[in-house]
C-alpha atoms as a PDB file:
ATOM      1  CA  GLU A   1      92.482  86.667 100.313  1.00  0.00           C
ATOM      2  CA  ALA A   2      90.579  89.929 100.234  1.00  0.00           C
ATOM      3  CA  ARG A   3      89.688  91.435  96.867  1.00  0.00           C
ATOM      4  CA  PRO A   4      91.162  94.887  96.174  1.00  0.00           C
ATOM      5  CA  ALA A   5      88.081  96.978  96.917  1.00  0.00           C
ATOM      6  CA  ALA A   6      86.246  98.506  99.811  1.00  0.00           C
ATOM      7  CA  PRO A   7      83.047  96.718 100.866  1.00  0.00           C
ATOM      8  CA  ASP A   8      80.898  99.248  99.006  1.00  0.00           C
ATOM      9  CA  GLY A   9      82.947  98.538  95.847  1.00  0.00           C
ATOM     10  CA  ARG A  10      83.821 102.193  95.218  1.00  0.00           C
ATOM     11  CA  PRO A  11      87.624 101.942  94.723  1.00  0.00           C
ATOM     12  CA  ARG A  12      87.329  98.940  92.383  1.00  0.00           C
ATOM     13  CA  PRO A  13      85.871 100.723  89.308  1.00  0.00           C
ATOM     14  CA  ARG A  14      88.424 103.546  89.575  1.00  0.00           C
ATOM     15  CA  LEU A  15      91.242 101.031  90.030  1.00  0.00           C
ATOM     16  CA  ARG A  16      90.040  99.016  87.048  1.00  0.00           C
ATOM     17  CA  ALA A  17      89.850 102.143  84.873  1.00  0.00           C
ATOM     18  CA  ALA A  18      93.292 103.302  86.010  1.00  0.00           C
ATOM     19  CA  ALA A  19      94.786  99.870  85.302  1.00  0.00           C
ATOM     20  CA  THR A  20      93.237  99.981  81.828  1.00  0.00           C
ATOM     21  CA  ASP A  21      94.787 103.422  81.257  1.00  0.00           C
ATOM     22  CA  LEU A  22      98.157 102.104  82.440  1.00  0.00           C
ATOM     23  CA  ALA A  23      97.891  99.119  80.093  1.00  0.00           C
ATOM     24  CA  GLY A  24      97.092 101.439  77.175  1.00  0.00           C
ATOM     25  CA  ALA A  25      99.979 103.750  78.039  1.00  0.00           C
ATOM     26  CA  THR A  26     102.317 100.765  78.306  1.00  0.00           C
ATOM     27  CA  ASP A  27     101.167  99.434  74.933  1.00  0.00           C
ATOM     28  CA  TRP A  28     101.865 102.852  73.385  1.00  0.00           C
ATOM     29  CA  LEU A  29     105.299 102.978  75.044  1.00  0.00           C
ATOM     30  CA  LEU A  30     106.242  99.545  73.709  1.00  0.00           C
ATOM     31  CA  ALA A  31     104.978 100.341  70.219  1.00  0.00           C
ATOM     32  CA  THR A  32     106.664 103.747  70.042  1.00  0.00           C
ATOM     33  CA  TYR A  33     109.967 103.552  71.924  1.00  0.00           C
ATOM     34  CA  ALA A  34     112.029 101.591  69.372  1.00  0.00           C
ATOM     35  CA  ARG A  35     111.445 104.128  66.593  1.00  0.00           C
ATOM     36  CA  GLU A  36     110.919 107.354  68.616  1.00  0.00           C
ATOM     37  CA  PRO A  37     112.597 107.132  72.043  1.00  0.00           C
ATOM     38  CA  ARG A  38     112.637 110.923  72.513  1.00  0.00           C
ATOM     39  CA  ARG A  39     108.896 111.082  71.977  1.00  0.00           C
ATOM     40  CA  VAL A  40     108.389 108.534  74.743  1.00  0.00           C
ATOM     41  CA  ALA A  41     110.935 110.206  77.027  1.00  0.00           C
ATOM     42  CA  ALA A  42     109.189 113.569  76.672  1.00  0.00           C
ATOM     43  CA  GLY A  43     106.217 112.283  78.655  1.00  0.00           C
ATOM     44  CA  ALA A  44     107.976 109.829  80.959  1.00  0.00           C
ATOM     45  CA  VAL A  45     107.100 111.713  84.135  1.00  0.00           C
ATOM     46  CA  PHE A  46     103.385 111.274  83.377  1.00  0.00           C
ATOM     47  CA  TYR A  47     103.839 107.540  82.795  1.00  0.00           C
ATOM     48  CA  LEU A  48     105.699 107.175  86.081  1.00  0.00           C
ATOM     49  CA  ARG A  49     102.971 109.081  87.954  1.00  0.00           C
ATOM     50  CA  LEU A  50     100.331 106.827  86.389  1.00  0.00           C
ATOM     51  CA  LEU A  51     102.290 103.704  87.298  1.00  0.00           C
ATOM     52  CA  GLY A  52     102.787 104.905  90.879  1.00  0.00           C
ATOM     53  CA  ASN A  53      99.123 105.837  91.267  1.00  0.00           C
ATOM     54  CA  VAL A  54      97.951 102.433  90.055  1.00  0.00           C
ATOM     55  CA  ALA A  55     100.383 100.583  92.335  1.00  0.00           C
ATOM     56  CA  ALA A  56      99.423 102.711  95.350  1.00  0.00           C
ATOM     57  CA  GLY A  57      95.738 102.420  94.468  1.00  0.00           C
ATOM     58  CA  TRP A  58      95.973  98.648  94.405  1.00  0.00           C
ATOM     59  CA  LEU A  59      97.729  98.607  97.788  1.00  0.00           C
ATOM     60  CA  MET A  60      95.174 100.972  99.329  1.00  0.00           C
ATOM     61  CA  ALA A  61      92.198  99.107  97.864  1.00  0.00           C
ATOM     62  CA  THR A  62      93.582  95.808  99.146  1.00  0.00           C
ATOM     63  CA  ALA A  63      94.065  97.276 102.634  1.00  0.00           C
ATOM     64  CA  ALA A  64      90.540  98.706 102.518  1.00  0.00           C
ATOM     65  CA  ALA A  65      89.089  95.333 101.547  1.00  0.00           C
ATOM     66  CA  LYS A  66      90.829  93.664 104.475  1.00  0.00           C
ATOM     67  CA  ALA A  67      89.705  96.447 106.823  1.00  0.00           C
ATOM     68  CA  GLY A  68      86.141  96.087 105.571  1.00  0.00           C
ATOM     69  CA  ALA A  69      86.219  92.341 106.144  1.00  0.00           C
ATOM     70  CA  ARG A  70      87.532  92.819 109.700  1.00  0.00           C
ATOM     71  CA  LEU A  71      84.857  95.396 110.428  1.00  0.00           C
ATOM     72  CA  ALA A  72      82.155  93.077 109.101  1.00  0.00           C
ATOM     73  CA  GLU A  73      83.253  90.000 111.029  1.00  0.00           C
ATOM     74  CA  SER A  74      84.092  91.425 114.440  1.00  0.00           C
ATOM     75  CA  GLY A  75      83.651  95.133 114.574  1.00  0.00           C
ATOM     76  CA  GLY A  76      87.426  95.364 114.993  1.00  0.00           C
ATOM     77  CA  GLU A  77      89.095  98.660 115.780  1.00  0.00           C
ATOM     78  CA  GLY A  78      86.336 100.765 114.292  1.00  0.00           C
ATOM     79  CA  ARG A  79      88.046 104.126 113.929  1.00  0.00           C
ATOM     80  CA  PHE A  80      91.261 102.767 112.464  1.00  0.00           C
ATOM     81  CA  LEU A  81      89.526 100.415 110.042  1.00  0.00           C
ATOM     82  CA  SER A  82      87.001 103.050 109.001  1.00  0.00           C
ATOM     83  CA  ALA A  83      89.869 105.435 108.300  1.00  0.00           C
ATOM     84  CA  LYS A  84      91.400 102.798 105.988  1.00  0.00           C
ATOM     85  CA  LEU A  85      88.158 102.685 104.018  1.00  0.00           C
ATOM     86  CA  LYS A  86      87.885 106.458 103.809  1.00  0.00           C
ATOM     87  CA  SER A  87      91.498 106.994 102.767  1.00  0.00           C
ATOM     88  CA  ALA A  88      91.204 104.346 100.033  1.00  0.00           C
ATOM     89  CA  ARG A  89      88.048 105.990  98.727  1.00  0.00           C
ATOM     90  CA  TYR A  90      89.714 109.432  98.803  1.00  0.00           C
ATOM     91  CA  PHE A  91      92.736 108.115  96.904  1.00  0.00           C
ATOM     92  CA  ALA A  92      90.527 106.415  94.332  1.00  0.00           C
ATOM     93  CA  ASP A  93      88.370 109.501  93.840  1.00  0.00           C
ATOM     94  CA  THR A  94      91.314 111.902  93.541  1.00  0.00           C
ATOM     95  CA  ARG A  95      94.499 110.148  92.366  1.00  0.00           C
ATOM     96  CA  LEU A  96      93.066 107.246  90.390  1.00  0.00           C
ATOM     97  CA  ALA A  97      90.617 109.633  88.751  1.00  0.00           C
ATOM     98  CA  GLU A  98      93.643 111.316  87.114  1.00  0.00           C
ATOM     99  CA  SER A  99      94.603 108.205  85.139  1.00  0.00           C
ATOM    100  CA  GLY A 100      92.993 109.164  81.837  1.00  0.00           C
ATOM    101  CA  SER A 101      94.572 112.594  81.964  1.00  0.00           C
ATOM    102  CA  LEU A 102      98.014 111.190  82.789  1.00  0.00           C
ATOM    103  CA  ARG A 103      97.754 108.703  79.931  1.00  0.00           C
ATOM    104  CA  GLY A 104      96.782 111.491  77.556  1.00  0.00           C
ATOM    105  CA  LYS A 105      99.643 113.715  78.706  1.00  0.00           C
ATOM    106  CA  PHE A 106     102.122 110.868  78.337  1.00  0.00           C
ATOM    107  CA  VAL A 107     101.127 110.276  74.722  1.00  0.00           C
ATOM    108  CA  ALA A 108     100.761 113.970  73.811  1.00  0.00           C
ATOM    109  CA  ALA A 109     103.987 115.278  75.363  1.00  0.00           C
ATOM    110  CA  GLY A 110     106.147 114.064  72.490  1.00  0.00           C
ATOM    111  CA  ASP A 111     103.930 115.785  69.943  1.00  0.00           C
ATOM    112  CA  ALA A 112     104.036 119.013  71.935  1.00  0.00           C
ATOM    113  CA  LEU A 113     107.844 119.013  71.884  1.00  0.00           C
ATOM    114  CA  GLN A 114     108.274 117.894  68.282  1.00  0.00           C
ATOM    115  CA  GLY A 115     110.677 120.238  66.528  1.00  0.00           C
ATOM    116  CA  PHE A 116     111.808 121.784  69.830  1.00  0.00           C
ATOM    117  CA  ASP A 117     115.506 122.587  69.883  1.00  0.00           C
ATOM    118  CA  PRO A 118     116.781 122.516  73.478  1.00  0.00           C
ATOM    119  CA  ASP A 119     120.193 124.032  72.644  1.00  0.00           C
ATOM    120  CA  PRO A 120     119.155 127.717  72.847  1.00  0.00           C
ATOM    121  CA  HIS A 121     117.752 127.029  76.324  1.00  0.00           C
ATOM    122  CA  LEU A 122     120.883 125.512  77.790  1.00  0.00           C
END
């Protein structure tokens, strides 16, 4: 089974960092939800984006690793396989790079809305 990284290893550190951010966000969610569900809900969209980015990053890194292995062993379909590597690197460098920010927004959103009364806005 191919490891989830391109042959040059570039997506792996970003994926590892993003997974660490997701784990930290999940720990905060589990520790906070029972006593302050509205605080958690206030930033839910950022958590969901982080979760989706990590899942997609893992899928793309796994595909890139398999493409890299095929390129190395046989040359394969060079353009298609090379595109897999480039798209995984692009995703890692753009979407996975957002993980720390998304984690921070998830945790901070509840504080930003503390004391907010939605009734006048409805």
